[in-house]
Protein backbone atom coordinates (compact mmCIF):
# COMPACT_ATOMS: atom_id res chain seq x y z
CA MET A 1 -13.58 -9.73 -13.13
CA ALA A 2 -11.54 -8.91 -16.22
CA TRP A 3 -8.31 -7.10 -15.46
CA ARG A 4 -7.32 -4.01 -17.40
CA ILE A 5 -3.91 -2.41 -17.64
CA GLY A 6 -3.75 0.03 -14.76
CA ASP A 7 -5.90 -1.99 -12.35
CA PRO A 8 -4.35 -2.51 -8.90
CA GLU A 9 -5.66 -6.09 -8.98
CA LEU A 10 -2.97 -6.97 -11.53
CA PHE A 11 -0.57 -7.17 -8.59
CA ALA A 12 -2.83 -9.57 -6.68
CA PRO A 13 -1.11 -12.85 -7.63
CA HIS A 14 2.22 -11.53 -6.32
CA TYR A 15 1.25 -8.77 -3.95
CA ALA A 16 -1.69 -8.15 -1.61
CA ALA A 17 -3.50 -5.32 -3.41
CA PHE A 18 -7.11 -4.38 -2.82
CA ALA A 19 -9.81 -3.19 -5.19
CA THR A 20 -11.92 -1.42 -2.58
CA PRO A 21 -11.59 0.02 0.93
CA ALA A 22 -14.17 -2.51 2.15
CA GLU A 23 -12.03 -5.38 0.81
CA ALA A 24 -8.95 -4.01 2.62
CA ALA A 25 -10.83 -3.48 5.89
CA ASP A 26 -12.26 -6.98 5.68
CA ALA A 27 -8.80 -8.48 5.07
CA PHE A 28 -7.70 -6.97 8.40
CA GLY A 29 -10.87 -8.05 10.19
CA LEU A 30 -12.15 -4.49 10.63
CA SER A 31 -15.87 -3.77 10.66
CA ALA A 32 -17.13 -1.33 8.06
CA ASP A 33 -18.17 1.19 10.72
CA SER A 34 -14.84 1.25 12.60
CA ALA A 35 -12.57 4.29 12.75
CA GLN A 36 -9.80 2.45 10.91
CA ALA A 37 -12.17 1.40 8.10
CA SER A 38 -12.97 5.09 7.70
CA ASP A 39 -9.24 5.91 7.61
CA ILE A 40 -8.71 3.18 5.01
CA GLN A 41 -11.44 4.71 2.85
CA ARG A 42 -9.75 8.13 3.08
CA PHE A 43 -6.36 6.60 2.21
CA PHE A 44 -7.88 4.90 -0.86
CA HIS A 45 -9.18 8.27 -2.02
CA PHE A 46 -5.80 10.00 -1.74
CA SER A 47 -3.98 6.98 -3.22
CA ASP A 48 -6.32 6.93 -6.23
CA ASP A 49 -7.36 3.37 -5.24
CA TRP A 50 -3.79 2.01 -5.64
CA VAL A 51 -3.51 0.40 -2.21
CA GLY A 52 -1.78 -2.77 -1.08
CA VAL A 53 0.00 -4.33 1.87
CA HIS A 54 3.65 -3.32 2.25
CA PRO A 55 5.60 -6.57 1.66
CA GLN A 56 7.95 -5.91 4.59
CA HIS A 57 5.37 -4.43 6.97
CA PRO A 58 2.19 -6.58 6.97
CA GLN A 59 0.22 -4.11 9.12
CA VAL A 60 0.81 -1.26 6.64
CA LEU A 61 -1.34 -0.36 3.67
CA GLY A 62 0.80 1.53 1.17
CA ASP A 63 0.27 3.73 -1.87
CA LEU A 64 1.40 1.48 -4.74
CA ARG A 65 1.94 4.38 -7.13
CA TYR A 66 5.22 5.50 -5.57
CA ALA A 67 8.35 3.50 -4.74
CA SER A 68 12.07 4.25 -4.39
CA LEU A 69 12.84 2.37 -7.60
CA PRO A 70 10.77 2.29 -10.78
CA ASP A 71 10.74 -1.53 -10.89
CA ASP A 72 9.78 -2.00 -7.24
CA ILE A 73 6.36 -1.94 -5.60
CA ARG A 74 7.45 -1.33 -2.01
CA PRO A 75 5.62 1.91 -1.25
CA LEU A 76 7.27 5.06 0.05
CA TRP A 77 4.39 5.77 2.44
CA GLY A 78 1.31 4.25 3.93
CA ILE A 79 -0.86 3.84 7.00
CA ARG A 80 -0.19 1.43 9.87
CA LEU A 81 -3.28 -0.41 11.03
CA GLN A 82 -4.00 -1.79 14.49
CA PRO A 83 -6.66 -4.46 13.86
CA ALA A 84 -6.77 -5.33 17.58
CA HIS A 85 -7.84 -1.71 18.27
CA PRO A 86 -10.29 -0.86 15.45
CA GLU A 87 -11.29 2.50 16.96
CA ALA A 88 -7.69 3.74 17.18
CA ARG A 89 -6.68 6.05 14.35
CA VAL A 90 -4.16 4.77 11.81
CA GLU A 91 -0.58 5.99 11.95
CA TRP A 92 1.13 7.61 8.93
CA GLN A 93 4.33 5.80 7.89
CA GLN A 94 7.15 6.84 5.57
CA PHE A 95 9.69 4.41 4.11
CA THR A 96 12.63 6.32 2.71
CA GLU A 97 15.36 3.82 3.52
CA MET A 98 16.96 2.17 0.53
CA GLU A 99 18.78 -1.11 0.57
CA PRO A 100 22.54 -1.15 -0.15
CA GLY A 101 23.28 -0.55 -3.81
CA ALA A 102 19.80 0.81 -4.60
CA VAL A 103 20.99 4.37 -5.34
CA LYS A 104 23.66 3.08 -7.70
CA ARG A 105 21.06 0.87 -9.39
CA LEU A 106 18.68 3.81 -9.73
CA TRP A 107 21.36 6.02 -11.34
CA GLY A 108 22.17 3.13 -13.68
CA MET A 109 18.52 3.06 -14.78
CA ILE A 110 18.44 6.83 -15.30
CA TRP A 111 21.66 7.08 -17.30
CA LYS A 112 21.38 3.84 -19.23
């Protein structure tokens, strides 16, 4: 596959991003007809296919389009999977905490 600018797969060498809902479900060992695979498909739709594993929360698929800082790919929200319980519904997660100094760094980027 040839990568284009704007493809989520560009993150793949450094970050677990997925091209399709089926690929994400398979990575978590979920069958295509499970409830969580269906939830993953819905999340892909609303995330415009920009979905990857949160680097600090390996059971969370996050929306890669939005992060606290413009040079960071840690998502602000996502869905927590439970691969051991494939028929359980996913849980919505929000990540609004910022590490120390991040706000100062952000303002430095804005006013630079």
